[in-house]
Amino acid sequence: MDTPPAARYSPGAVSFALRILNIAATVLTLASGLGVLAQDLFVDGYREYHRDWVAFVAVYCGVQAYTLEQLILRGWALPWLIAARAAVAYVFLLNFTSLWPQWRYWTPGRYVYDLADIQGILNLGLFTLIFLGRGAGNTWSLIGATRTIPPVRCMTARNRSYNRSNMS
């Protein structure tokens, strides 16, 4: 379904670099999820070893594919998808010490973590990816994306006019 031009995500709300970073991150996680799904379906013993639930992996891939489509087309659902992704990331970071030991091996995005895991330097690359990608990256995306949601746009417009009137 094509997004009507009036409902498209405003190109000025998120910078080009931020959009490219979001697309790259989504492509990586989608590729990882598709790799896990393919191995779950075609490699004997893989699903049992990782304890994957094929339906969850398929839904994960579907959400990543839809997010990628919305990022590329600047669809109407993009601000809401970014807000949901940020909320999930914050829950993950708040429960990091209890979730991480299992999540690293359980998530369909496990191969993205494997790419960043540089052995011998106390997992510096891995934890940088987690805290900058999930924390700062999702926050930056959320700030840029929510400027197009009408109540937020109204509040930010009021704050800008209030700040201008107090500056003179």
N, C-alpha and C. Protein backbone atom coordinates (compact mmCIF):
# COMPACT_ATOMS: atom_id res chain seq x y z
N MET A 1 0.85 -1.18 0.00
CA MET A 1 0.00 0.00 0.00
C MET A 1 0.89 1.23 0.00
N ASP A 2 0.60 2.16 -0.90
CA ASP A 2 1.41 3.36 -1.02
C ASP A 2 0.93 4.40 0.00
N THR A 3 1.87 5.07 0.61
CA THR A 3 1.55 6.10 1.58
C THR A 3 1.17 7.39 0.85
N PRO A 4 0.02 7.99 1.18
CA PRO A 4 -0.35 9.23 0.51
C PRO A 4 0.66 10.33 0.83
N PRO A 5 0.91 11.24 -0.13
CA PRO A 5 1.93 12.27 0.08
C PRO A 5 1.70 13.11 1.33
N ALA A 6 0.46 13.41 1.67
CA ALA A 6 0.19 14.24 2.84
C ALA A 6 0.54 13.54 4.14
N ALA A 7 0.54 12.20 4.14
CA ALA A 7 0.82 11.44 5.37
C ALA A 7 2.28 11.04 5.48
N ARG A 8 3.09 11.35 4.47
CA ARG A 8 4.50 10.93 4.51
C ARG A 8 5.26 11.66 5.59
N TYR A 9 6.23 10.98 6.08
CA TYR A 9 7.08 11.50 7.13
C TYR A 9 7.87 12.69 6.60
N SER A 10 7.89 13.76 7.31
CA SER A 10 8.55 14.98 6.87
C SER A 10 10.05 14.78 6.70
N PRO A 11 10.60 15.07 5.51
CA PRO A 11 12.03 14.84 5.29
C PRO A 11 12.92 15.74 6.12
N GLY A 12 12.42 16.87 6.59
CA GLY A 12 13.25 17.77 7.37
C GLY A 12 13.35 17.39 8.83
N ALA A 13 12.49 16.47 9.28
CA ALA A 13 12.45 16.15 10.70
C ALA A 13 13.65 15.34 11.17
N VAL A 14 14.14 14.47 10.34
CA VAL A 14 15.30 13.66 10.71
C VAL A 14 16.37 13.90 9.66
N SER A 15 17.56 14.18 10.12
CA SER A 15 18.63 14.48 9.17
C SER A 15 18.94 13.26 8.30
N PHE A 16 19.57 13.55 7.18
CA PHE A 16 19.93 12.49 6.23
C PHE A 16 20.83 11.45 6.89
N ALA A 17 21.81 11.90 7.65
CA ALA A 17 22.74 10.96 8.31
C ALA A 17 22.01 10.05 9.29
N LEU A 18 21.09 10.60 10.06
CA LEU A 18 20.33 9.79 11.01
C LEU A 18 19.48 8.77 10.28
N ARG A 19 18.89 9.17 9.17
CA ARG A 19 18.07 8.24 8.39
C ARG A 19 18.92 7.10 7.84
N ILE A 20 20.10 7.41 7.33
CA ILE A 20 20.99 6.39 6.80
C ILE A 20 21.44 5.44 7.92
N LEU A 21 21.74 5.97 9.10
CA LEU A 21 22.13 5.11 10.23
C LEU A 21 20.99 4.19 10.63
N ASN A 22 19.77 4.70 10.66
CA ASN A 22 18.62 3.86 10.99
C ASN A 22 18.40 2.78 9.94
N ILE A 23 18.55 3.14 8.68
CA ILE A 23 18.39 2.14 7.61
C ILE A 23 19.47 1.08 7.73
N ALA A 24 20.72 1.49 7.96
CA ALA A 24 21.82 0.52 8.09
C ALA A 24 21.60 -0.41 9.27
N ALA A 25 21.18 0.13 10.41
CA ALA A 25 20.94 -0.71 11.60
C ALA A 25 19.79 -1.68 11.35
N THR A 26 18.75 -1.22 10.67
CA THR A 26 17.61 -2.08 10.39
C THR A 26 17.98 -3.17 9.39
N VAL A 27 18.78 -2.82 8.37
CA VAL A 27 19.25 -3.83 7.41
C VAL A 27 20.08 -4.90 8.11
N LEU A 28 20.97 -4.48 9.02
CA LEU A 28 21.79 -5.46 9.76
C LEU A 28 20.94 -6.38 10.62
N THR A 29 19.99 -5.82 11.34
CA THR A 29 19.16 -6.67 12.20
C THR A 29 18.24 -7.56 11.39
N LEU A 30 17.75 -7.05 10.25
CA LEU A 30 16.93 -7.89 9.37
C LEU A 30 17.76 -9.03 8.79
N ALA A 31 18.97 -8.73 8.36
CA ALA A 31 19.85 -9.78 7.81
C ALA A 31 20.15 -10.83 8.87
N SER A 32 20.40 -10.39 10.09
CA SER A 32 20.66 -11.34 11.17
C SER A 32 19.43 -12.20 11.44
N GLY A 33 18.26 -11.57 11.50
CA GLY A 33 17.03 -12.31 11.72
C GLY A 33 16.74 -13.31 10.61
N LEU A 34 16.97 -12.90 9.35
CA LEU A 34 16.75 -13.82 8.23
C LEU A 34 17.76 -14.97 8.26
N GLY A 35 18.99 -14.68 8.69
CA GLY A 35 19.99 -15.74 8.84
C GLY A 35 19.58 -16.75 9.89
N VAL A 36 19.09 -16.25 11.01
CA VAL A 36 18.61 -17.14 12.07
C VAL A 36 17.41 -17.95 11.59
N LEU A 37 16.48 -17.29 10.90
CA LEU A 37 15.29 -17.99 10.39
C LEU A 37 15.67 -19.09 9.41
N ALA A 38 16.58 -18.78 8.49
CA ALA A 38 17.01 -19.78 7.51
C ALA A 38 17.68 -20.97 8.19
N GLN A 39 18.51 -20.70 9.18
CA GLN A 39 19.17 -21.80 9.88
C GLN A 39 18.19 -22.59 10.73
N ASP A 40 17.22 -21.90 11.32
CA ASP A 40 16.18 -22.62 12.08
C ASP A 40 15.43 -23.60 11.18
N LEU A 41 15.19 -23.19 9.95
CA LEU A 41 14.39 -24.02 9.05
C LEU A 41 15.20 -25.09 8.32
N PHE A 42 16.47 -24.82 8.04
CA PHE A 42 17.22 -25.71 7.15
C PHE A 42 18.43 -26.41 7.77
N VAL A 43 18.87 -26.03 8.95
CA VAL A 43 20.05 -26.65 9.57
C VAL A 43 19.57 -27.54 10.72
N ASP A 44 19.88 -28.81 10.62
CA ASP A 44 19.47 -29.75 11.67
C ASP A 44 20.13 -29.40 12.99
N GLY A 45 19.32 -29.33 14.04
CA GLY A 45 19.82 -29.11 15.38
C GLY A 45 20.03 -27.66 15.77
N TYR A 46 20.00 -26.74 14.82
CA TYR A 46 20.25 -25.31 15.12
C TYR A 46 19.15 -24.76 16.04
N ARG A 47 17.90 -25.03 15.70
CA ARG A 47 16.79 -24.52 16.50
C ARG A 47 16.82 -25.06 17.92
N GLU A 48 17.13 -26.34 18.06
CA GLU A 48 17.17 -26.95 19.39
C GLU A 48 18.34 -26.39 20.20
N TYR A 49 19.47 -26.15 19.56
CA TYR A 49 20.65 -25.64 20.26
C TYR A 49 20.40 -24.22 20.79
N HIS A 50 19.81 -23.37 19.96
CA HIS A 50 19.57 -21.97 20.35
C HIS A 50 18.21 -21.77 21.01
N ARG A 51 17.40 -22.81 21.02
CA ARG A 51 16.05 -22.75 21.60
C ARG A 51 15.20 -21.66 20.97
N ASP A 52 15.31 -21.54 19.64
CA ASP A 52 14.54 -20.53 18.91
C ASP A 52 13.10 -20.97 18.72
N TRP A 53 12.21 -20.00 18.79
CA TRP A 53 10.82 -20.22 18.47
C TRP A 53 10.62 -19.60 17.09
N VAL A 54 10.36 -20.42 16.08
CA VAL A 54 10.33 -19.99 14.69
C VAL A 54 9.30 -18.88 14.48
N ALA A 55 8.16 -18.95 15.13
CA ALA A 55 7.14 -17.91 14.96
C ALA A 55 7.66 -16.56 15.44
N PHE A 56 8.37 -16.55 16.56
CA PHE A 56 8.94 -15.29 17.07
C PHE A 56 9.97 -14.73 16.11
N VAL A 57 10.83 -15.60 15.57
CA VAL A 57 11.85 -15.15 14.63
C VAL A 57 11.19 -14.60 13.37
N ALA A 58 10.13 -15.23 12.89
CA ALA A 58 9.42 -14.75 11.70
C ALA A 58 8.76 -13.39 11.95
N VAL A 59 8.14 -13.22 13.12
CA VAL A 59 7.53 -11.93 13.46
C VAL A 59 8.61 -10.85 13.58
N TYR A 60 9.73 -11.20 14.21
CA TYR A 60 10.87 -10.28 14.33
C TYR A 60 11.32 -9.81 12.95
N CYS A 61 11.46 -10.73 12.01
CA CYS A 61 11.87 -10.38 10.64
C CYS A 61 10.81 -9.51 9.97
N GLY A 62 9.55 -9.82 10.20
CA GLY A 62 8.47 -9.02 9.62
C GLY A 62 8.47 -7.59 10.14
N VAL A 63 8.67 -7.43 11.44
CA VAL A 63 8.72 -6.09 12.02
C VAL A 63 9.92 -5.31 11.47
N GLN A 64 11.07 -5.98 11.35
CA GLN A 64 12.26 -5.31 10.81
C GLN A 64 12.04 -4.92 9.34
N ALA A 65 11.40 -5.80 8.57
CA ALA A 65 11.14 -5.49 7.16
C ALA A 65 10.16 -4.32 7.03
N TYR A 66 9.13 -4.30 7.87
CA TYR A 66 8.17 -3.19 7.83
C TYR A 66 8.84 -1.88 8.25
N THR A 67 9.69 -1.95 9.28
CA THR A 67 10.43 -0.76 9.71
C THR A 67 11.33 -0.26 8.59
N LEU A 68 12.00 -1.17 7.90
CA LEU A 68 12.86 -0.78 6.79
C LEU A 68 12.05 -0.10 5.68
N GLU A 69 10.90 -0.67 5.37
CA GLU A 69 10.04 -0.05 4.36
C GLU A 69 9.61 1.36 4.78
N GLN A 70 9.23 1.52 6.03
CA GLN A 70 8.81 2.83 6.52
C GLN A 70 9.97 3.83 6.52
N LEU A 71 11.17 3.36 6.84
CA LEU A 71 12.34 4.24 6.80
C LEU A 71 12.64 4.70 5.38
N ILE A 72 12.56 3.80 4.44
CA ILE A 72 12.87 4.14 3.05
C ILE A 72 11.81 5.06 2.45
N LEU A 73 10.53 4.75 2.72
CA LEU A 73 9.43 5.53 2.14
C LEU A 73 9.01 6.72 2.99
N ARG A 74 9.58 6.83 4.18
CA ARG A 74 9.17 7.86 5.14
C ARG A 74 7.67 7.76 5.38
N GLY A 75 7.24 6.57 5.73
CA GLY A 75 5.82 6.29 5.89
C GLY A 75 5.20 6.92 7.13
N TRP A 76 3.89 6.87 7.18
CA TRP A 76 3.15 7.49 8.27
C TRP A 76 3.43 6.84 9.62
N ALA A 77 3.77 5.54 9.63
CA ALA A 77 3.98 4.82 10.88
C ALA A 77 5.39 4.98 11.44
N LEU A 78 6.27 5.63 10.71
CA LEU A 78 7.67 5.69 11.12
C LEU A 78 7.89 6.32 12.50
N PRO A 79 7.29 7.47 12.82
CA PRO A 79 7.52 8.02 14.17
C PRO A 79 7.07 7.06 15.27
N TRP A 80 5.99 6.34 15.03
CA TRP A 80 5.47 5.41 16.03
C TRP A 80 6.38 4.18 16.15
N LEU A 81 6.92 3.71 15.05
CA LEU A 81 7.86 2.58 15.09
C LEU A 81 9.14 2.97 15.83
N ILE A 82 9.63 4.16 15.57
CA ILE A 82 10.84 4.63 16.25
C ILE A 82 10.56 4.81 17.74
N ALA A 83 9.39 5.33 18.09
CA ALA A 83 9.04 5.47 19.50
C ALA A 83 8.95 4.11 20.18
N ALA A 84 8.35 3.13 19.51
CA ALA A 84 8.26 1.78 20.08
C ALA A 84 9.65 1.16 20.22
N ARG A 85 10.50 1.35 19.23
CA ARG A 85 11.85 0.81 19.29
C ARG A 85 12.64 1.43 20.44
N ALA A 86 12.46 2.74 20.65
CA ALA A 86 13.14 3.41 21.75
C ALA A 86 12.61 2.91 23.10
N ALA A 87 11.31 2.72 23.22
CA ALA A 87 10.73 2.24 24.47
C ALA A 87 11.26 0.84 24.81
N VAL A 88 11.32 -0.03 23.82
CA VAL A 88 11.86 -1.38 24.04
C VAL A 88 13.34 -1.29 24.43
N ALA A 89 14.07 -0.40 23.79
CA ALA A 89 15.50 -0.25 24.12
C ALA A 89 15.68 0.24 25.55
N TYR A 90 14.84 1.18 25.99
CA TYR A 90 14.95 1.67 27.37
C TYR A 90 14.64 0.58 28.37
N VAL A 91 13.63 -0.23 28.10
CA VAL A 91 13.32 -1.36 28.99
C VAL A 91 14.50 -2.32 29.04
N PHE A 92 15.08 -2.59 27.87
CA PHE A 92 16.26 -3.46 27.80
C PHE A 92 17.41 -2.89 28.62
N LEU A 93 17.69 -1.61 28.46
CA LEU A 93 18.83 -1.01 29.18
C LEU A 93 18.57 -0.93 30.68
N LEU A 94 17.33 -0.68 31.08
CA LEU A 94 17.02 -0.63 32.51
C LEU A 94 17.15 -2.01 33.17
N ASN A 95 16.95 -3.07 32.40
CA ASN A 95 17.06 -4.43 32.92
C ASN A 95 18.27 -5.15 32.34
N PHE A 96 19.29 -4.40 31.98
CA PHE A 96 20.43 -4.93 31.24
C PHE A 96 21.11 -6.10 31.96
N THR A 97 21.38 -5.95 33.24
CA THR A 97 22.13 -6.99 33.95
C THR A 97 21.37 -8.30 34.05
N SER A 98 20.05 -8.24 34.10
CA SER A 98 19.29 -9.50 34.17
C SER A 98 18.96 -10.06 32.78
N LEU A 99 18.80 -9.18 31.78
CA LEU A 99 18.43 -9.65 30.44
C LEU A 99 19.61 -10.06 29.57
N TRP A 100 20.73 -9.36 29.70
CA TRP A 100 21.83 -9.55 28.74
C TRP A 100 22.36 -10.97 28.65
N PRO A 101 22.60 -11.67 29.75
CA PRO A 101 23.20 -13.01 29.60
C PRO A 101 22.39 -13.95 28.71
N GLN A 102 21.06 -13.86 28.76
CA GLN A 102 20.23 -14.72 27.92
C GLN A 102 19.96 -14.06 26.56
N TRP A 103 19.73 -12.77 26.54
CA TRP A 103 19.31 -12.07 25.33
C TRP A 103 20.35 -12.16 24.22
N ARG A 104 21.61 -12.10 24.57
CA ARG A 104 22.66 -12.12 23.55
C ARG A 104 22.57 -13.36 22.67
N TYR A 105 22.21 -14.47 23.25
CA TYR A 105 22.16 -15.73 22.49
C TYR A 105 20.76 -16.08 22.02
N TRP A 106 19.75 -15.42 22.58
CA TRP A 106 18.37 -15.76 22.29
C TRP A 106 17.79 -14.91 21.17
N THR A 107 18.23 -13.65 21.04
CA THR A 107 17.65 -12.73 20.07
C THR A 107 17.95 -13.14 18.63
N PRO A 108 17.00 -12.93 17.72
CA PRO A 108 17.29 -13.15 16.30
C PRO A 108 18.34 -12.18 15.76
N GLY A 109 18.60 -11.09 16.46
CA GLY A 109 19.65 -10.15 16.06
C GLY A 109 21.01 -10.51 16.62
N ARG A 110 21.19 -11.77 17.00
CA ARG A 110 22.44 -12.18 17.68
C ARG A 110 23.68 -11.99 16.82
N TYR A 111 23.55 -12.06 15.50
CA TYR A 111 24.74 -11.92 14.66
C TYR A 111 25.23 -10.49 14.59
N VAL A 112 24.37 -9.52 14.85
CA VAL A 112 24.82 -8.12 14.94
C VAL A 112 25.74 -7.97 16.15
N TYR A 113 25.37 -8.60 17.25
CA TYR A 113 26.21 -8.55 18.44
C TYR A 113 27.54 -9.26 18.19
N ASP A 114 27.50 -10.36 17.43
CA ASP A 114 28.74 -11.07 17.11
C ASP A 114 29.68 -10.22 16.28
N LEU A 115 29.13 -9.39 15.39
CA LEU A 115 29.98 -8.50 14.58
C LEU A 115 30.73 -7.49 15.45
N ALA A 116 30.09 -7.01 16.50
CA ALA A 116 30.70 -5.98 17.35
C ALA A 116 31.54 -6.55 18.48
N ASP A 117 31.49 -7.85 18.68
CA ASP A 117 32.21 -8.47 19.79
C ASP A 117 33.68 -8.67 19.42
N ILE A 118 34.53 -7.75 19.88
CA ILE A 118 35.96 -7.82 19.62
C ILE A 118 36.61 -8.47 20.85
N GLN A 119 37.17 -9.63 20.65
CA GLN A 119 37.75 -10.38 21.76
C GLN A 119 39.02 -9.72 22.28
N GLY A 120 39.24 -9.81 23.56
CA GLY A 120 40.48 -9.37 24.16
C GLY A 120 40.47 -7.97 24.73
N ILE A 121 39.42 -7.19 24.49
CA ILE A 121 39.40 -5.84 25.04
C ILE A 121 38.14 -5.63 25.90
N LEU A 122 37.82 -6.63 26.69
CA LEU A 122 36.72 -6.56 27.65
C LEU A 122 35.38 -6.19 27.03
N ASN A 123 35.12 -6.71 25.84
CA ASN A 123 33.84 -6.50 25.15
C ASN A 123 33.54 -5.02 24.89
N LEU A 124 34.57 -4.22 24.68
CA LEU A 124 34.39 -2.79 24.46
C LEU A 124 33.51 -2.50 23.25
N GLY A 125 33.77 -3.16 22.14
CA GLY A 125 32.96 -2.94 20.94
C GLY A 125 31.51 -3.33 21.14
N LEU A 126 31.30 -4.43 21.83
CA LEU A 126 29.95 -4.93 22.08
C LEU A 126 29.15 -3.98 22.96
N PHE A 127 29.75 -3.55 24.07
CA PHE A 127 29.03 -2.67 24.98
C PHE A 127 28.89 -1.26 24.40
N THR A 128 29.82 -0.85 23.55
CA THR A 128 29.67 0.42 22.85
C THR A 128 28.45 0.36 21.93
N LEU A 129 28.32 -0.73 21.19
CA LEU A 129 27.16 -0.91 20.32
C LEU A 129 25.87 -0.87 21.12
N ILE A 130 25.85 -1.56 22.24
CA ILE A 130 24.63 -1.64 23.04
C ILE A 130 24.24 -0.27 23.60
N PHE A 131 25.18 0.40 24.25
CA PHE A 131 24.82 1.65 24.92
C PHE A 131 24.70 2.83 23.95
N LEU A 132 25.55 2.90 22.94
CA LEU A 132 25.41 3.99 21.98
C LEU A 132 24.29 3.70 20.98
N GLY A 133 24.22 2.47 20.50
CA GLY A 133 23.18 2.13 19.53
C GLY A 133 21.80 2.11 20.14
N ARG A 134 21.65 1.34 21.19
CA ARG A 134 20.33 1.21 21.80
C ARG A 134 19.96 2.43 22.62
N GLY A 135 20.93 3.02 23.27
CA GLY A 135 20.64 4.18 24.13
C GLY A 135 20.62 5.49 23.36
N ALA A 136 21.80 5.97 23.01
CA ALA A 136 21.91 7.27 22.36
C ALA A 136 21.29 7.28 20.96
N GLY A 137 21.52 6.23 20.19
CA GLY A 137 20.97 6.18 18.84
C GLY A 137 19.46 6.20 18.81
N ASN A 138 18.83 5.41 19.66
CA ASN A 138 17.37 5.40 19.70
C ASN A 138 16.81 6.70 20.26
N THR A 139 17.52 7.32 21.21
CA THR A 139 17.07 8.60 21.74
C THR A 139 17.14 9.68 20.67
N TRP A 140 18.24 9.71 19.94
CA TRP A 140 18.42 10.68 18.86
C TRP A 140 17.33 10.49 17.80
N SER A 141 17.07 9.25 17.44
CA SER A 141 16.02 8.96 16.46
C SER A 141 14.65 9.38 16.97
N LEU A 142 14.40 9.12 18.24
CA LEU A 142 13.11 9.48 18.84
C LEU A 142 12.90 10.98 18.85
N ILE A 143 13.92 11.73 19.19
CA ILE A 143 13.80 13.19 19.20
C ILE A 143 13.51 13.71 17.80
N GLY A 144 14.22 13.19 16.81
CA GLY A 144 13.99 13.63 15.44
C GLY A 144 12.65 13.20 14.89
N ALA A 145 12.22 12.00 15.22
CA ALA A 145 11.00 11.45 14.64
C ALA A 145 9.73 12.03 15.25
N THR A 146 9.75 12.33 16.52
CA THR A 146 8.50 12.78 17.17
C THR A 146 8.17 14.22 16.87
N ARG A 147 9.01 14.93 16.17
CA ARG A 147 8.68 16.30 15.80
C ARG A 147 7.51 16.35 14.83
N THR A 148 7.21 15.24 14.17
CA THR A 148 6.12 15.23 13.20
C THR A 148 4.79 14.81 13.81
N ILE A 149 4.78 14.34 15.04
CA ILE A 149 3.53 13.95 15.69
C ILE A 149 2.85 15.23 16.18
N PRO A 150 1.59 15.50 15.79
CA PRO A 150 0.95 16.79 16.05
C PRO A 150 1.04 17.31 17.48
N PRO A 151 0.73 16.53 18.55
CA PRO A 151 0.84 17.12 19.89
C PRO A 151 2.27 17.54 20.24
N VAL A 152 3.24 16.77 19.82
CA VAL A 152 4.63 17.10 20.11
C VAL A 152 5.03 18.33 19.31
N ARG A 153 4.62 18.39 18.06
CA ARG A 153 4.93 19.55 17.21
C ARG A 153 4.32 20.81 17.81
N CYS A 154 3.12 20.69 18.33
CA CYS A 154 2.45 21.83 18.95
C CYS A 154 3.22 22.29 20.19
N MET A 155 3.64 21.34 21.02
CA MET A 155 4.38 21.70 22.23
C MET A 155 5.73 22.32 21.90
N THR A 156 6.43 21.78 20.92
CA THR A 156 7.74 22.34 20.58
C THR A 156 7.58 23.71 19.94
N ALA A 157 6.52 23.93 19.19
CA ALA A 157 6.28 25.25 18.60
C ALA A 157 6.00 26.27 19.70
N ARG A 158 5.22 25.88 20.72
CA ARG A 158 4.95 26.77 21.84
C ARG A 158 6.23 27.11 22.58
N ASN A 159 7.07 26.12 22.81
CA ASN A 159 8.32 26.37 23.52
C ASN A 159 9.23 27.31 22.74
N ARG A 160 9.28 27.15 21.42
CA ARG A 160 10.12 28.05 20.61
C ARG A 160 9.59 29.48 20.68
N SER A 161 8.27 29.65 20.59
CA SER A 161 7.72 31.02 20.63
C SER A 161 7.88 31.60 22.04
N TYR A 162 7.75 30.79 23.08
CA TYR A 162 7.94 31.25 24.45
C TYR A 162 9.39 31.70 24.65
N ASN A 163 10.33 30.90 24.16
CA ASN A 163 11.73 31.24 24.32
C ASN A 163 12.09 32.52 23.56
N ARG A 164 11.52 32.71 22.38
CA ARG A 164 11.79 33.93 21.61
C ARG A 164 11.24 35.16 22.32
N SER A 165 10.04 35.05 22.90
CA SER A 165 9.45 36.21 23.56
C SER A 165 10.20 36.59 24.82
N ASN A 166 10.80 35.64 25.49
CA ASN A 166 11.57 35.93 26.70
C ASN A 166 12.98 36.40 26.42
N MET A 167 13.45 36.24 25.20
CA MET A 167 14.81 36.63 24.88
C MET A 167 14.93 38.12 24.62
N SER A 168 13.84 38.77 24.28
CA SER A 168 13.95 40.21 23.94
C SER A 168 13.79 41.10 25.14
